[in-house]
Amino acid sequence: MSKAELARKANVSPITIARIEKGLPCRMETKRKIILALGFNLADKRKIFGELD
């Protein structure tokens, strides 16, 4: 899936996706949107984002 497609499915900007890929922080709500857009369950959050606070 491209960054643009993920951004569209998650209803976030492509810039947000790029920032997250660089390891910059984002809101928990943004992470939730990305997890669901990728087709994962919220319980799988560590598979996508690693350790979360």
PDB file of N, CA and C in Angstrom:
ATOM      1  N   MET A   1       0.852  -1.169   0.000  1.00  0.00           N
ATOM      2  CA  MET A   1       0.000   0.000   0.000  1.00  0.00           C
ATOM      3  C   MET A   1       0.905   1.241   0.000  1.00  0.00           C
ATOM      4  N   SER A   2       0.576   2.184  -0.818  1.00  0.00           N
ATOM      5  CA  SER A   2       1.379   3.411  -0.879  1.00  0.00           C
ATOM      6  C   SER A   2       1.056   4.322   0.303  1.00  0.00           C
ATOM      7  N   LYS A   3       1.944   5.278   0.539  1.00  0.00           N
ATOM      8  CA  LYS A   3       1.712   6.250   1.607  1.00  0.00           C
ATOM      9  C   LYS A   3       0.428   7.032   1.347  1.00  0.00           C
ATOM     10  N   ALA A   4       0.225   7.412   0.103  1.00  0.00           N
ATOM     11  CA  ALA A   4      -0.964   8.193  -0.252  1.00  0.00           C
ATOM     12  C   ALA A   4      -2.235   7.386  -0.013  1.00  0.00           C
ATOM     13  N   GLU A   5      -2.211   6.107  -0.378  1.00  0.00           N
ATOM     14  CA  GLU A   5      -3.383   5.259  -0.176  1.00  0.00           C
ATOM     15  C   GLU A   5      -3.657   5.052   1.316  1.00  0.00           C
ATOM     16  N   LEU A   6      -2.602   4.812   2.084  1.00  0.00           N
ATOM     17  CA  LEU A   6      -2.772   4.649   3.537  1.00  0.00           C
ATOM     18  C   LEU A   6      -3.332   5.928   4.142  1.00  0.00           C
ATOM     19  N   ALA A   7      -2.792   7.060   3.735  1.00  0.00           N
ATOM     20  CA  ALA A   7      -3.279   8.339   4.254  1.00  0.00           C
ATOM     21  C   ALA A   7      -4.758   8.524   3.938  1.00  0.00           C
ATOM     22  N   ARG A   8      -5.146   8.173   2.729  1.00  0.00           N
ATOM     23  CA  ARG A   8      -6.549   8.307   2.322  1.00  0.00           C
ATOM     24  C   ARG A   8      -7.444   7.379   3.144  1.00  0.00           C
ATOM     25  N   LYS A   9      -7.029   6.123   3.289  1.00  0.00           N
ATOM     26  CA  LYS A   9      -7.835   5.162   4.046  1.00  0.00           C
ATOM     27  C   LYS A   9      -7.926   5.522   5.523  1.00  0.00           C
ATOM     28  N   ALA A  10      -6.850   6.100   6.072  1.00  0.00           N
ATOM     29  CA  ALA A  10      -6.821   6.450   7.490  1.00  0.00           C
ATOM     30  C   ALA A  10      -7.380   7.851   7.748  1.00  0.00           C
ATOM     31  N   ASN A  11      -7.664   8.571   6.668  1.00  0.00           N
ATOM     32  CA  ASN A  11      -8.172   9.937   6.782  1.00  0.00           C
ATOM     33  C   ASN A  11      -7.198  10.849   7.523  1.00  0.00           C
ATOM     34  N   VAL A  12      -5.909  10.720   7.154  1.00  0.00           N
ATOM     35  CA  VAL A  12      -4.861  11.609   7.656  1.00  0.00           C
ATOM     36  C   VAL A  12      -4.085  12.119   6.446  1.00  0.00           C
ATOM     37  N   SER A  13      -3.244  13.091   6.646  1.00  0.00           N
ATOM     38  CA  SER A  13      -2.489  13.635   5.519  1.00  0.00           C
ATOM     39  C   SER A  13      -1.289  12.751   5.188  1.00  0.00           C
ATOM     40  N   PRO A  14      -0.860  12.759   3.927  1.00  0.00           N
ATOM     41  CA  PRO A  14       0.363  12.024   3.568  1.00  0.00           C
ATOM     42  C   PRO A  14       1.582  12.533   4.343  1.00  0.00           C
ATOM     43  N   ILE A  15       1.581  13.807   4.684  1.00  0.00           N
ATOM     44  CA  ILE A  15       2.679  14.366   5.476  1.00  0.00           C
ATOM     45  C   ILE A  15       2.725  13.697   6.847  1.00  0.00           C
ATOM     46  N   THR A  16       1.560  13.428   7.426  1.00  0.00           N
ATOM     47  CA  THR A  16       1.499  12.744   8.722  1.00  0.00           C
ATOM     48  C   THR A  16       2.110  11.356   8.616  1.00  0.00           C
ATOM     49  N   ILE A  17       1.779  10.636   7.550  1.00  0.00           N
ATOM     50  CA  ILE A  17       2.346   9.295   7.351  1.00  0.00           C
ATOM     51  C   ILE A  17       3.864   9.379   7.243  1.00  0.00           C
ATOM     52  N   ALA A  18       4.358  10.328   6.479  1.00  0.00           N
ATOM     53  CA  ALA A  18       5.806  10.492   6.300  1.00  0.00           C
ATOM     54  C   ALA A  18       6.485  10.816   7.636  1.00  0.00           C
ATOM     55  N   ARG A  19       5.870  11.670   8.437  1.00  0.00           N
ATOM     56  CA  ARG A  19       6.447  12.027   9.734  1.00  0.00           C
ATOM     57  C   ARG A  19       6.512  10.813  10.658  1.00  0.00           C
ATOM     58  N   ILE A  20       5.459  10.008  10.657  1.00  0.00           N
ATOM     59  CA  ILE A  20       5.438   8.811  11.503  1.00  0.00           C
ATOM     60  C   ILE A  20       6.511   7.828  11.052  1.00  0.00           C
ATOM     61  N   GLU A  21       6.686   7.678   9.755  1.00  0.00           N
ATOM     62  CA  GLU A  21       7.726   6.779   9.238  1.00  0.00           C
ATOM     63  C   GLU A  21       9.121   7.228   9.665  1.00  0.00           C
ATOM     64  N   LYS A  22       9.303   8.518   9.866  1.00  0.00           N
ATOM     65  CA  LYS A  22      10.594   9.046  10.318  1.00  0.00           C
ATOM     66  C   LYS A  22      10.781   8.887  11.819  1.00  0.00           C
ATOM     67  N   GLY A  23       9.746   8.397  12.502  1.00  0.00           N
ATOM     68  CA  GLY A  23       9.844   8.170  13.935  1.00  0.00           C
ATOM     69  C   GLY A  23       9.373   9.330  14.789  1.00  0.00           C
ATOM     70  N   LEU A  24       8.756  10.316  14.156  1.00  0.00           N
ATOM     71  CA  LEU A  24       8.236  11.448  14.917  1.00  0.00           C
ATOM     72  C   LEU A  24       6.936  11.039  15.618  1.00  0.00           C
ATOM     73  N   PRO A  25       6.627  11.677  16.733  1.00  0.00           N
ATOM     74  CA  PRO A  25       5.427  11.297  17.492  1.00  0.00           C
ATOM     75  C   PRO A  25       4.139  11.709  16.795  1.00  0.00           C
ATOM     76  N   CYS A  26       3.072  11.021  17.152  1.00  0.00           N
ATOM     77  CA  CYS A  26       1.745  11.391  16.671  1.00  0.00           C
ATOM     78  C   CYS A  26       0.739  11.064  17.767  1.00  0.00           C
ATOM     79  N   ARG A  27      -0.457  11.559  17.594  1.00  0.00           N
ATOM     80  CA  ARG A  27      -1.504  11.317  18.582  1.00  0.00           C
ATOM     81  C   ARG A  27      -1.956   9.851  18.545  1.00  0.00           C
ATOM     82  N   MET A  28      -2.479   9.399  19.669  1.00  0.00           N
ATOM     83  CA  MET A  28      -2.993   8.032  19.766  1.00  0.00           C
ATOM     84  C   MET A  28      -4.144   7.815  18.783  1.00  0.00           C
ATOM     85  N   GLU A  29      -4.968   8.831  18.586  1.00  0.00           N
ATOM     86  CA  GLU A  29      -6.085   8.729  17.636  1.00  0.00           C
ATOM     87  C   GLU A  29      -5.567   8.501  16.213  1.00  0.00           C
ATOM     88  N   THR A  30      -4.478   9.138  15.860  1.00  0.00           N
ATOM     89  CA  THR A  30      -3.886   8.948  14.540  1.00  0.00           C
ATOM     90  C   THR A  30      -3.372   7.521  14.403  1.00  0.00           C
ATOM     91  N   LYS A  31      -2.743   7.020  15.432  1.00  0.00           N
ATOM     92  CA  LYS A  31      -2.269   5.631  15.413  1.00  0.00           C
ATOM     93  C   LYS A  31      -3.437   4.670  15.242  1.00  0.00           C
ATOM     94  N   ARG A  32      -4.535   4.939  15.945  1.00  0.00           N
ATOM     95  CA  ARG A  32      -5.727   4.094  15.836  1.00  0.00           C
ATOM     96  C   ARG A  32      -6.233   4.071  14.399  1.00  0.00           C
ATOM     97  N   LYS A  33      -6.304   5.215  13.767  1.00  0.00           N
ATOM     98  CA  LYS A  33      -6.784   5.298  12.388  1.00  0.00           C
ATOM     99  C   LYS A  33      -5.888   4.497  11.438  1.00  0.00           C
ATOM    100  N   ILE A  34      -4.584   4.594  11.641  1.00  0.00           N
ATOM    101  CA  ILE A  34      -3.638   3.882  10.776  1.00  0.00           C
ATOM    102  C   ILE A  34      -3.742   2.380  10.984  1.00  0.00           C
ATOM    103  N   ILE A  35      -3.828   1.942  12.219  1.00  0.00           N
ATOM    104  CA  ILE A  35      -3.956   0.508  12.512  1.00  0.00           C
ATOM    105  C   ILE A  35      -5.182  -0.063  11.817  1.00  0.00           C
ATOM    106  N   LEU A  36      -6.312   0.619  11.947  1.00  0.00           N
ATOM    107  CA  LEU A  36      -7.553   0.141  11.325  1.00  0.00           C
ATOM    108  C   LEU A  36      -7.481   0.207   9.810  1.00  0.00           C
ATOM    109  N   ALA A  37      -6.857   1.246   9.262  1.00  0.00           N
ATOM    110  CA  ALA A  37      -6.723   1.373   7.811  1.00  0.00           C
ATOM    111  C   ALA A  37      -5.867   0.253   7.228  1.00  0.00           C
ATOM    112  N   LEU A  38      -4.914  -0.239   8.010  1.00  0.00           N
ATOM    113  CA  LEU A  38      -4.063  -1.341   7.556  1.00  0.00           C
ATOM    114  C   LEU A  38      -4.746  -2.699   7.691  1.00  0.00           C
ATOM    115  N   GLY A  39      -5.923  -2.720   8.302  1.00  0.00           N
ATOM    116  CA  GLY A  39      -6.667  -3.966   8.441  1.00  0.00           C
ATOM    117  C   GLY A  39      -6.331  -4.759   9.689  1.00  0.00           C
ATOM    118  N   PHE A  40      -5.644  -4.131  10.622  1.00  0.00           N
ATOM    119  CA  PHE A  40      -5.306  -4.797  11.877  1.00  0.00           C
ATOM    120  C   PHE A  40      -6.350  -4.471  12.932  1.00  0.00           C
ATOM    121  N   ASN A  41      -6.338  -5.249  14.009  1.00  0.00           N
ATOM    122  CA  ASN A  41      -7.153  -4.960  15.185  1.00  0.00           C
ATOM    123  C   ASN A  41      -6.357  -4.030  16.088  1.00  0.00           C
ATOM    124  N   LEU A  42      -7.049  -3.277  16.906  1.00  0.00           N
ATOM    125  CA  LEU A  42      -6.352  -2.371  17.821  1.00  0.00           C
ATOM    126  C   LEU A  42      -5.411  -3.117  18.755  1.00  0.00           C
ATOM    127  N   ALA A  43      -5.712  -4.367  19.050  1.00  0.00           N
ATOM    128  CA  ALA A  43      -4.851  -5.176  19.912  1.00  0.00           C
ATOM    129  C   ALA A  43      -3.490  -5.444  19.268  1.00  0.00           C
ATOM    130  N   ASP A  44      -3.386  -5.247  17.953  1.00  0.00           N
ATOM    131  CA  ASP A  44      -2.139  -5.485  17.224  1.00  0.00           C
ATOM    132  C   ASP A  44      -1.256  -4.248  17.145  1.00  0.00           C
ATOM    133  N   LYS A  45      -1.531  -3.228  17.954  1.00  0.00           N
ATOM    134  CA  LYS A  45      -0.837  -1.947  17.840  1.00  0.00           C
ATOM    135  C   LYS A  45       0.680  -2.064  17.960  1.00  0.00           C
ATOM    136  N   ARG A  46       1.166  -2.990  18.757  1.00  0.00           N
ATOM    137  CA  ARG A  46       2.618  -3.124  18.907  1.00  0.00           C
ATOM    138  C   ARG A  46       3.276  -3.696  17.656  1.00  0.00           C
ATOM    139  N   LYS A  47       2.535  -4.446  16.848  1.00  0.00           N
ATOM    140  CA  LYS A  47       3.065  -4.960  15.582  1.00  0.00           C
ATOM    141  C   LYS A  47       3.348  -3.811  14.617  1.00  0.00           C
ATOM    142  N   ILE A  48       2.572  -2.745  14.730  1.00  0.00           N
ATOM    143  CA  ILE A  48       2.695  -1.600  13.822  1.00  0.00           C
ATOM    144  C   ILE A  48       3.631  -0.544  14.388  1.00  0.00           C
ATOM    145  N   PHE A  49       3.447  -0.197  15.646  1.00  0.00           N
ATOM    146  CA  PHE A  49       4.166   0.928  16.235  1.00  0.00           C
ATOM    147  C   PHE A  49       5.209   0.546  17.286  1.00  0.00           C
ATOM    148  N   GLY A  50       5.392  -0.734  17.558  1.00  0.00           N
ATOM    149  CA  GLY A  50       6.342  -1.122  18.594  1.00  0.00           C
ATOM    150  C   GLY A  50       5.796  -0.793  19.966  1.00  0.00           C
ATOM    151  N   GLU A  51       6.684  -0.500  20.886  1.00  0.00           N
ATOM    152  CA  GLU A  51       6.265  -0.168  22.261  1.00  0.00           C
ATOM    153  C   GLU A  51       5.525   1.151  22.287  1.00  0.00           C
ATOM    154  N   LEU A  52       4.386   1.172  22.933  1.00  0.00           N
ATOM    155  CA  LEU A  52       3.589   2.380  23.081  1.00  0.00           C
ATOM    156  C   LEU A  52       3.501   2.759  24.540  1.00  0.00           C
ATOM    157  N   ASP A  53       3.377   4.029  24.783  1.00  0.00           N
ATOM    158  CA  ASP A  53       3.227   4.520  26.159  1.00  0.00           C
ATOM    159  C   ASP A  53       1.858   4.193  26.685  1.00  0.00           C
TER     160      ASP A  53
END
